[in-house]
Amino acid sequence: MSLRGERVVAVGGTAGIGLAVAEAGRNLSRALALEPAPIRADVVSPGVVRTELWRELPEADREGLFSSAAQSLPVGRVGEPEDGAEAYLCLMRGRYSTGSTVVVDGGTVLVRPRKIPCPAPRLSPR
């Protein structure tokens, strides 16, 4: 992607895949921010987001997960794809950020991690 003549690398993780991926994304962002500088590299780390990632869960289980997570979050709802998109746009428009992680999780970091249910979705092979 090119914005204002700069090359931008963005890496995202998902809550369903787990903390290991998020941590790997943060470390990748830091490494990418240093190695190919001046190319900027930032990470968006989302919380529970209502996307097709959850399609393999039965609808009742999926809605139960979203409802339970929403009740546990300070914002009172789970994320929508637009929430993450706004974070990506902010990082791409800003020209003075690199190696950063923007957490878009509805306040998950403010509550106990075990309080929010987040089973890993079953990914079907394509």
N, C-alpha and C. Protein backbone atom coordinates (compact mmCIF):
# COMPACT_ATOMS: atom_id res chain seq x y z
N MET A 1 0.84 -1.17 0.00
CA MET A 1 0.00 0.00 0.00
C MET A 1 0.88 1.23 0.00
N SER A 2 0.45 2.24 -0.68
CA SER A 2 1.20 3.48 -0.73
C SER A 2 0.29 4.63 -0.32
N LEU A 3 0.77 5.47 0.55
CA LEU A 3 0.01 6.62 1.01
C LEU A 3 0.98 7.80 1.10
N ARG A 4 0.70 8.86 0.38
CA ARG A 4 1.58 10.03 0.35
C ARG A 4 3.01 9.66 -0.05
N GLY A 5 3.13 8.70 -0.94
CA GLY A 5 4.45 8.31 -1.41
C GLY A 5 5.22 7.41 -0.47
N GLU A 6 4.63 7.02 0.66
CA GLU A 6 5.30 6.15 1.60
C GLU A 6 4.77 4.74 1.46
N ARG A 7 5.59 3.76 1.76
CA ARG A 7 5.10 2.38 1.81
C ARG A 7 4.75 2.08 3.25
N VAL A 8 3.60 1.45 3.45
CA VAL A 8 3.10 1.16 4.78
C VAL A 8 2.85 -0.33 4.91
N VAL A 9 3.32 -0.92 5.99
CA VAL A 9 3.07 -2.32 6.27
C VAL A 9 2.20 -2.38 7.51
N ALA A 10 1.08 -3.09 7.44
CA ALA A 10 0.20 -3.24 8.60
C ALA A 10 0.00 -4.71 8.89
N VAL A 11 0.06 -5.07 10.15
CA VAL A 11 -0.13 -6.45 10.58
C VAL A 11 -1.21 -6.46 11.63
N GLY A 12 -2.15 -7.38 11.53
CA GLY A 12 -3.22 -7.48 12.51
C GLY A 12 -3.32 -8.87 13.08
N GLY A 13 -3.87 -9.00 14.25
CA GLY A 13 -4.12 -10.29 14.86
C GLY A 13 -5.59 -10.37 15.23
N THR A 14 -6.03 -11.50 15.72
CA THR A 14 -7.41 -11.62 16.16
C THR A 14 -7.44 -12.25 17.53
N ALA A 15 -8.45 -11.93 18.29
CA ALA A 15 -8.56 -12.48 19.63
C ALA A 15 -8.76 -13.97 19.58
N GLY A 16 -9.44 -14.48 18.58
CA GLY A 16 -9.72 -15.90 18.48
C GLY A 16 -8.47 -16.74 18.28
N ILE A 17 -7.50 -16.22 17.61
CA ILE A 17 -6.27 -16.98 17.36
C ILE A 17 -5.40 -17.00 18.59
N GLY A 18 -5.44 -15.96 19.38
CA GLY A 18 -4.76 -16.02 20.67
C GLY A 18 -3.70 -14.97 20.89
N LEU A 19 -3.25 -14.96 22.12
CA LEU A 19 -2.26 -13.98 22.54
C LEU A 19 -0.91 -14.20 21.87
N ALA A 20 -0.59 -15.43 21.51
CA ALA A 20 0.69 -15.71 20.87
C ALA A 20 0.81 -14.97 19.55
N VAL A 21 -0.25 -14.96 18.78
CA VAL A 21 -0.23 -14.26 17.50
C VAL A 21 -0.11 -12.76 17.71
N ALA A 22 -0.84 -12.24 18.71
CA ALA A 22 -0.76 -10.81 18.99
C ALA A 22 0.66 -10.41 19.39
N GLU A 23 1.28 -11.22 20.24
CA GLU A 23 2.65 -10.92 20.66
C GLU A 23 3.61 -11.03 19.48
N ALA A 24 3.41 -12.04 18.64
CA ALA A 24 4.25 -12.18 17.45
C ALA A 24 4.08 -10.96 16.55
N GLY A 25 2.84 -10.47 16.42
CA GLY A 25 2.59 -9.29 15.61
C GLY A 25 3.31 -8.07 16.15
N ARG A 26 3.28 -7.90 17.48
CA ARG A 26 3.99 -6.77 18.09
C ARG A 26 5.48 -6.86 17.83
N ASN A 27 6.04 -8.06 18.00
CA ASN A 27 7.47 -8.24 17.76
C ASN A 27 7.82 -8.04 16.29
N LEU A 28 6.96 -8.52 15.40
CA LEU A 28 7.18 -8.32 13.97
C LEU A 28 7.15 -6.84 13.63
N SER A 29 6.21 -6.12 14.23
CA SER A 29 6.12 -4.68 13.99
C SER A 29 7.41 -3.98 14.38
N ARG A 30 7.94 -4.34 15.52
CA ARG A 30 9.19 -3.70 15.99
C ARG A 30 10.34 -4.01 15.05
N ALA A 31 10.43 -5.28 14.65
CA ALA A 31 11.51 -5.68 13.75
C ALA A 31 11.37 -5.00 12.39
N LEU A 32 10.14 -4.98 11.87
CA LEU A 32 9.92 -4.34 10.57
C LEU A 32 10.15 -2.83 10.64
N ALA A 33 9.91 -2.24 11.79
CA ALA A 33 10.12 -0.80 11.92
C ALA A 33 11.61 -0.46 11.86
N LEU A 34 12.47 -1.39 12.24
CA LEU A 34 13.91 -1.13 12.25
C LEU A 34 14.62 -1.63 10.99
N GLU A 35 14.29 -2.83 10.56
CA GLU A 35 15.02 -3.43 9.45
C GLU A 35 14.86 -2.68 8.13
N PRO A 36 13.64 -2.51 7.60
CA PRO A 36 13.52 -1.84 6.30
C PRO A 36 13.22 -0.34 6.41
N ALA A 37 13.60 0.26 7.53
CA ALA A 37 13.35 1.70 7.69
C ALA A 37 13.87 2.42 6.47
N PRO A 38 13.17 3.41 5.98
CA PRO A 38 12.11 4.19 6.59
C PRO A 38 10.69 3.66 6.32
N ILE A 39 10.55 2.43 5.82
CA ILE A 39 9.20 1.88 5.68
C ILE A 39 8.63 1.72 7.08
N ARG A 40 7.41 2.22 7.28
CA ARG A 40 6.79 2.18 8.60
C ARG A 40 6.03 0.88 8.79
N ALA A 41 6.01 0.36 10.01
CA ALA A 41 5.29 -0.87 10.32
C ALA A 41 4.60 -0.73 11.66
N ASP A 42 3.30 -0.91 11.68
CA ASP A 42 2.51 -0.82 12.90
C ASP A 42 1.56 -2.01 12.97
N VAL A 43 1.04 -2.28 14.15
CA VAL A 43 0.14 -3.41 14.38
C VAL A 43 -1.17 -2.92 14.95
N VAL A 44 -2.27 -3.49 14.48
CA VAL A 44 -3.58 -3.29 15.10
C VAL A 44 -3.90 -4.60 15.80
N SER A 45 -4.16 -4.53 17.09
CA SER A 45 -4.46 -5.71 17.90
C SER A 45 -5.92 -5.65 18.35
N PRO A 46 -6.81 -6.36 17.64
CA PRO A 46 -8.24 -6.29 17.97
C PRO A 46 -8.63 -7.25 19.06
N GLY A 47 -9.75 -6.96 19.68
CA GLY A 47 -10.37 -7.88 20.64
C GLY A 47 -11.38 -8.74 19.90
N VAL A 48 -12.46 -9.08 20.56
CA VAL A 48 -13.51 -9.88 19.94
C VAL A 48 -14.25 -9.00 18.93
N VAL A 49 -14.25 -9.44 17.67
CA VAL A 49 -14.87 -8.67 16.59
C VAL A 49 -15.88 -9.56 15.88
N ARG A 50 -17.05 -9.02 15.62
CA ARG A 50 -18.12 -9.76 14.94
C ARG A 50 -17.78 -9.87 13.45
N THR A 51 -17.12 -10.98 13.07
CA THR A 51 -16.73 -11.20 11.68
C THR A 51 -17.03 -12.64 11.28
N GLU A 52 -16.74 -12.96 10.05
CA GLU A 52 -16.92 -14.31 9.53
C GLU A 52 -15.96 -15.31 10.17
N LEU A 53 -14.97 -14.85 10.88
CA LEU A 53 -14.04 -15.75 11.56
C LEU A 53 -14.80 -16.71 12.47
N TRP A 54 -15.91 -16.29 12.99
CA TRP A 54 -16.70 -17.08 13.94
C TRP A 54 -17.77 -17.94 13.27
N ARG A 55 -17.80 -18.00 11.95
CA ARG A 55 -18.88 -18.67 11.21
C ARG A 55 -18.99 -20.16 11.53
N GLU A 56 -17.92 -20.80 11.95
CA GLU A 56 -17.96 -22.24 12.23
C GLU A 56 -18.66 -22.57 13.55
N LEU A 57 -18.80 -21.57 14.42
CA LEU A 57 -19.53 -21.80 15.67
C LEU A 57 -21.03 -21.81 15.36
N PRO A 58 -21.78 -22.69 16.01
CA PRO A 58 -23.23 -22.64 15.83
C PRO A 58 -23.73 -21.25 16.23
N GLU A 59 -24.78 -20.79 15.56
CA GLU A 59 -25.25 -19.42 15.75
C GLU A 59 -25.55 -19.11 17.21
N ALA A 60 -26.19 -20.04 17.92
CA ALA A 60 -26.52 -19.80 19.33
C ALA A 60 -25.25 -19.61 20.16
N ASP A 61 -24.24 -20.44 19.91
CA ASP A 61 -22.96 -20.32 20.64
C ASP A 61 -22.27 -19.01 20.30
N ARG A 62 -22.29 -18.67 19.02
CA ARG A 62 -21.65 -17.44 18.56
C ARG A 62 -22.30 -16.22 19.21
N GLU A 63 -23.62 -16.16 19.19
CA GLU A 63 -24.31 -15.03 19.79
C GLU A 63 -24.12 -15.01 21.30
N GLY A 64 -24.05 -16.19 21.92
CA GLY A 64 -23.77 -16.26 23.36
C GLY A 64 -22.39 -15.71 23.68
N LEU A 65 -21.41 -16.04 22.84
CA LEU A 65 -20.05 -15.53 23.02
C LEU A 65 -20.03 -14.01 22.91
N PHE A 66 -20.68 -13.49 21.86
CA PHE A 66 -20.71 -12.04 21.67
C PHE A 66 -21.42 -11.34 22.82
N SER A 67 -22.52 -11.91 23.27
CA SER A 67 -23.28 -11.32 24.37
C SER A 67 -22.48 -11.32 25.66
N SER A 68 -21.85 -12.45 25.96
CA SER A 68 -21.05 -12.56 27.18
C SER A 68 -19.86 -11.60 27.15
N ALA A 69 -19.19 -11.55 26.00
CA ALA A 69 -18.05 -10.65 25.87
C ALA A 69 -18.50 -9.20 26.02
N ALA A 70 -19.62 -8.84 25.38
CA ALA A 70 -20.12 -7.46 25.44
C ALA A 70 -20.41 -7.05 26.88
N GLN A 71 -20.99 -7.96 27.67
CA GLN A 71 -21.31 -7.66 29.07
C GLN A 71 -20.06 -7.47 29.91
N SER A 72 -18.95 -8.10 29.48
CA SER A 72 -17.70 -8.00 30.24
C SER A 72 -16.88 -6.77 29.89
N LEU A 73 -17.21 -6.13 28.77
CA LEU A 73 -16.39 -5.01 28.29
C LEU A 73 -16.92 -3.66 28.76
N PRO A 74 -16.02 -2.74 29.07
CA PRO A 74 -16.44 -1.40 29.47
C PRO A 74 -17.29 -0.68 28.42
N VAL A 75 -17.08 -0.97 27.13
CA VAL A 75 -17.86 -0.30 26.09
C VAL A 75 -19.22 -0.95 25.89
N GLY A 76 -19.44 -2.14 26.46
CA GLY A 76 -20.73 -2.79 26.41
C GLY A 76 -21.11 -3.44 25.09
N ARG A 77 -20.14 -3.66 24.21
CA ARG A 77 -20.41 -4.31 22.93
C ARG A 77 -19.13 -4.94 22.41
N VAL A 78 -19.28 -5.87 21.47
CA VAL A 78 -18.10 -6.42 20.80
C VAL A 78 -17.78 -5.53 19.61
N GLY A 79 -16.61 -5.72 19.07
CA GLY A 79 -16.18 -4.90 17.96
C GLY A 79 -16.86 -5.25 16.65
N GLU A 80 -16.86 -4.30 15.77
CA GLU A 80 -17.33 -4.48 14.40
C GLU A 80 -16.11 -4.26 13.50
N PRO A 81 -16.12 -4.82 12.29
CA PRO A 81 -14.96 -4.63 11.40
C PRO A 81 -14.58 -3.16 11.21
N GLU A 82 -15.56 -2.28 11.23
CA GLU A 82 -15.28 -0.86 11.04
C GLU A 82 -14.40 -0.29 12.15
N ASP A 83 -14.51 -0.86 13.36
CA ASP A 83 -13.69 -0.38 14.47
C ASP A 83 -12.21 -0.60 14.18
N GLY A 84 -11.88 -1.79 13.70
CA GLY A 84 -10.49 -2.08 13.34
C GLY A 84 -10.03 -1.28 12.14
N ALA A 85 -10.93 -1.11 11.17
CA ALA A 85 -10.59 -0.35 9.97
C ALA A 85 -10.20 1.08 10.32
N GLU A 86 -10.90 1.67 11.27
CA GLU A 86 -10.57 3.04 11.69
C GLU A 86 -9.15 3.11 12.25
N ALA A 87 -8.76 2.09 13.01
CA ALA A 87 -7.41 2.07 13.57
C ALA A 87 -6.37 1.96 12.46
N TYR A 88 -6.63 1.09 11.49
CA TYR A 88 -5.70 0.97 10.35
C TYR A 88 -5.58 2.29 9.61
N LEU A 89 -6.71 2.93 9.36
CA LEU A 89 -6.69 4.21 8.64
C LEU A 89 -5.90 5.26 9.40
N CYS A 90 -6.09 5.30 10.71
CA CYS A 90 -5.35 6.26 11.54
C CYS A 90 -3.84 6.03 11.41
N LEU A 91 -3.43 4.76 11.48
CA LEU A 91 -2.00 4.46 11.36
C LEU A 91 -1.47 4.79 9.97
N MET A 92 -2.26 4.51 8.95
CA MET A 92 -1.79 4.78 7.59
C MET A 92 -1.72 6.27 7.29
N ARG A 93 -2.64 7.04 7.86
CA ARG A 93 -2.64 8.49 7.61
C ARG A 93 -1.54 9.20 8.38
N GLY A 94 -1.26 8.72 9.58
CA GLY A 94 -0.21 9.33 10.38
C GLY A 94 1.14 8.98 9.80
N ARG A 95 2.03 9.94 9.73
CA ARG A 95 3.32 9.70 9.11
C ARG A 95 4.45 9.59 10.12
N TYR A 96 4.12 9.70 11.40
CA TYR A 96 5.17 9.74 12.42
C TYR A 96 5.06 8.57 13.39
N SER A 97 4.50 7.47 12.92
CA SER A 97 4.33 6.30 13.75
C SER A 97 4.99 5.11 13.09
N THR A 98 5.74 4.34 13.86
CA THR A 98 6.28 3.07 13.39
C THR A 98 6.63 2.21 14.59
N GLY A 99 6.43 0.92 14.45
CA GLY A 99 6.71 -0.01 15.55
C GLY A 99 5.67 0.05 16.65
N SER A 100 4.53 0.66 16.39
CA SER A 100 3.48 0.83 17.40
C SER A 100 2.45 -0.29 17.32
N THR A 101 1.79 -0.53 18.45
CA THR A 101 0.66 -1.44 18.50
C THR A 101 -0.54 -0.65 19.00
N VAL A 102 -1.59 -0.62 18.18
CA VAL A 102 -2.83 0.04 18.57
C VAL A 102 -3.80 -1.05 18.99
N VAL A 103 -4.20 -1.01 20.24
CA VAL A 103 -5.12 -2.00 20.79
C VAL A 103 -6.54 -1.49 20.62
N VAL A 104 -7.37 -2.25 19.91
CA VAL A 104 -8.76 -1.90 19.65
C VAL A 104 -9.58 -3.06 20.19
N ASP A 105 -9.82 -3.04 21.50
CA ASP A 105 -10.42 -4.22 22.14
C ASP A 105 -11.60 -3.92 23.05
N GLY A 106 -12.14 -2.73 22.97
CA GLY A 106 -13.31 -2.39 23.78
C GLY A 106 -13.03 -2.31 25.27
N GLY A 107 -11.76 -2.25 25.64
CA GLY A 107 -11.40 -2.16 27.05
C GLY A 107 -11.00 -3.49 27.67
N THR A 108 -10.77 -4.51 26.84
CA THR A 108 -10.37 -5.82 27.36
C THR A 108 -9.15 -5.71 28.26
N VAL A 109 -8.20 -4.86 27.90
CA VAL A 109 -6.99 -4.73 28.69
C VAL A 109 -7.27 -4.16 30.08
N LEU A 110 -8.45 -3.59 30.27
CA LEU A 110 -8.80 -2.99 31.56
C LEU A 110 -9.49 -3.97 32.50
N VAL A 111 -9.99 -5.08 31.96
CA VAL A 111 -10.67 -6.08 32.77
C VAL A 111 -9.83 -7.34 32.80
N ARG A 112 -10.14 -8.22 33.70
CA ARG A 112 -9.36 -9.46 33.81
C ARG A 112 -9.49 -10.27 32.52
N PRO A 113 -8.35 -10.72 31.97
CA PRO A 113 -8.38 -11.47 30.71
C PRO A 113 -9.28 -12.71 30.76
N ARG A 114 -9.34 -13.41 31.87
CA ARG A 114 -10.13 -14.63 31.96
C ARG A 114 -11.63 -14.34 31.99
N LYS A 115 -11.99 -13.08 32.16
CA LYS A 115 -13.39 -12.71 32.26
C LYS A 115 -14.11 -12.75 30.91
N ILE A 116 -13.35 -12.64 29.83
CA ILE A 116 -13.94 -12.60 28.50
C ILE A 116 -13.73 -13.94 27.81
N PRO A 117 -14.82 -14.66 27.52
CA PRO A 117 -14.67 -15.96 26.87
C PRO A 117 -14.24 -15.76 25.43
N CYS A 118 -13.28 -16.54 25.01
CA CYS A 118 -12.81 -16.38 23.64
C CYS A 118 -12.27 -17.70 23.11
N PRO A 119 -13.16 -18.66 22.80
CA PRO A 119 -12.68 -19.93 22.27
C PRO A 119 -12.11 -19.74 20.88
N ALA A 120 -11.12 -20.54 20.55
CA ALA A 120 -10.56 -20.48 19.22
C ALA A 120 -11.56 -21.06 18.23
N PRO A 121 -11.84 -20.34 17.17
CA PRO A 121 -12.78 -20.86 16.18
C PRO A 121 -12.17 -22.03 15.43
N ARG A 122 -13.00 -22.93 14.99
CA ARG A 122 -12.52 -24.04 14.16
C ARG A 122 -12.41 -23.51 12.74
N LEU A 123 -11.22 -23.52 12.22
CA LEU A 123 -11.00 -23.02 10.87
C LEU A 123 -11.15 -24.17 9.89
N SER A 124 -11.98 -24.00 8.89
CA SER A 124 -12.17 -25.05 7.90
C SER A 124 -11.17 -24.87 6.77
N PRO A 125 -10.60 -25.99 6.29
CA PRO A 125 -9.64 -25.88 5.17
C PRO A 125 -10.36 -25.42 3.91
N ARG A 126 -9.65 -24.68 3.09
CA ARG A 126 -10.25 -24.18 1.84
C ARG A 126 -9.63 -24.86 0.66
